């Protein structure tokens, strides 16, 4: 169907922030081994931004980022304790 100017009407699809969600998951994976507070915090932030832009999976990305942050910090602390010589 055409509008007044002769252009075809196409329904608008919602703009899902898939880039933010993918970035959040990548940062979550990095948080497991490389600077967990930085990448875990960034994963939570990106997940929140995706959630604000009407992406329900952004909430899941925030949770995954938080879990990755905690696991990364614990593993890093245990690995650091293992390498300490008294």
Protein backbone atom coordinates (compact mmCIF):
# COMPACT_ATOMS: atom_id res chain seq x y z
CA UNK A 1 0.00 0.00 0.00
CA UNK A 2 1.32 3.44 -0.89
CA UNK A 3 0.98 6.66 1.07
CA UNK A 4 0.11 10.11 -0.31
CA UNK A 5 3.59 10.68 -1.77
CA UNK A 6 3.70 7.32 -3.52
CA UNK A 7 6.12 5.68 -1.09
CA UNK A 8 5.43 2.19 0.09
CA UNK A 9 4.46 1.91 3.75
CA UNK A 10 6.54 -0.62 5.62
CA UNK A 11 5.90 -1.46 9.25
CA UNK A 12 8.56 -0.24 11.64
CA UNK A 13 10.39 -2.98 13.49
CA UNK A 14 11.49 -2.21 17.03
CA UNK A 15 15.15 -1.31 17.32
CA UNK A 16 16.58 -4.02 19.56
CA UNK A 17 19.98 -3.18 21.05
CA UNK A 18 21.64 -6.42 19.99
CA UNK A 19 25.08 -4.79 19.91
CA UNK A 20 24.80 -3.89 23.59
CA UNK A 21 23.72 -7.41 24.47
CA UNK A 22 26.55 -9.02 22.49
CA UNK A 23 29.03 -6.61 24.07
CA UNK A 24 27.71 -7.50 27.51
CA UNK A 25 28.15 -11.24 26.90
CA UNK A 26 31.68 -10.73 25.53
CA UNK A 27 32.62 -8.65 28.57
CA UNK A 28 31.14 -11.34 30.83
CA UNK A 29 33.37 -13.97 29.27
CA UNK A 30 36.41 -11.70 29.59
CA UNK A 31 35.53 -11.03 33.24
CA UNK A 32 36.10 -14.69 34.04
CA UNK A 33 39.84 -14.34 33.49
CA UNK A 34 40.92 -10.79 32.69
CA UNK A 35 40.41 -7.88 35.13
CA UNK A 36 37.04 -9.07 36.52
CA UNK A 37 36.01 -5.77 38.17
CA UNK A 38 36.47 -3.84 34.92
CA UNK A 39 34.88 -6.27 32.48
CA UNK A 40 32.22 -7.49 34.93
CA UNK A 41 31.18 -3.92 35.67
CA UNK A 42 31.16 -3.10 31.98
CA UNK A 43 29.01 -6.17 31.28
CA UNK A 44 26.50 -5.07 33.91
CA UNK A 45 26.47 -1.52 32.50
CA UNK A 46 25.93 -2.70 28.92
CA UNK A 47 23.19 -5.07 30.07
CA UNK A 48 21.48 -2.19 31.87
CA UNK A 49 21.68 0.02 28.79
CA UNK A 50 20.12 -2.79 26.72
CA UNK A 51 17.41 -3.23 29.35
CA UNK A 52 16.62 0.49 29.28
CA UNK A 53 16.17 0.33 25.51
CA UNK A 54 13.36 -2.20 25.83
CA UNK A 55 15.28 -5.44 25.53
CA UNK A 56 14.13 -7.93 28.14
CA UNK A 57 17.25 -10.01 27.67
CA UNK A 58 19.27 -7.05 28.98
CA UNK A 59 18.25 -8.12 32.48
CA UNK A 60 19.70 -11.58 31.80
CA UNK A 61 22.91 -9.96 30.54
CA UNK A 62 23.19 -7.97 33.79
CA UNK A 63 22.81 -11.15 35.87
CA UNK A 64 25.38 -13.04 33.77
CA UNK A 65 27.78 -10.09 34.11
CA UNK A 66 27.38 -10.06 37.90
CA UNK A 67 27.94 -13.80 38.18
CA UNK A 68 31.00 -13.58 35.92
CA UNK A 69 32.36 -10.73 38.06
CA UNK A 70 32.00 -12.73 41.27
CA UNK A 71 33.47 -15.91 39.79
CA UNK A 72 36.37 -13.99 38.23
CA UNK A 73 37.25 -12.25 41.51
CA UNK A 74 37.06 -15.50 43.51
CA UNK A 75 39.15 -17.44 40.99
CA UNK A 76 41.68 -14.62 40.82
CA UNK A 77 41.96 -14.47 44.61
CA UNK A 78 42.39 -18.22 44.91
CA UNK A 79 44.96 -18.26 42.14
CA UNK A 80 46.83 -15.38 43.80
CA UNK A 81 46.84 -17.16 47.17
CA UNK A 82 48.23 -20.28 45.53
CA UNK A 83 51.21 -18.38 44.17
CA UNK A 84 52.17 -16.68 47.45
CA UNK A 85 55.25 -18.16 49.10
CA UNK A 86 55.72 -17.54 52.84
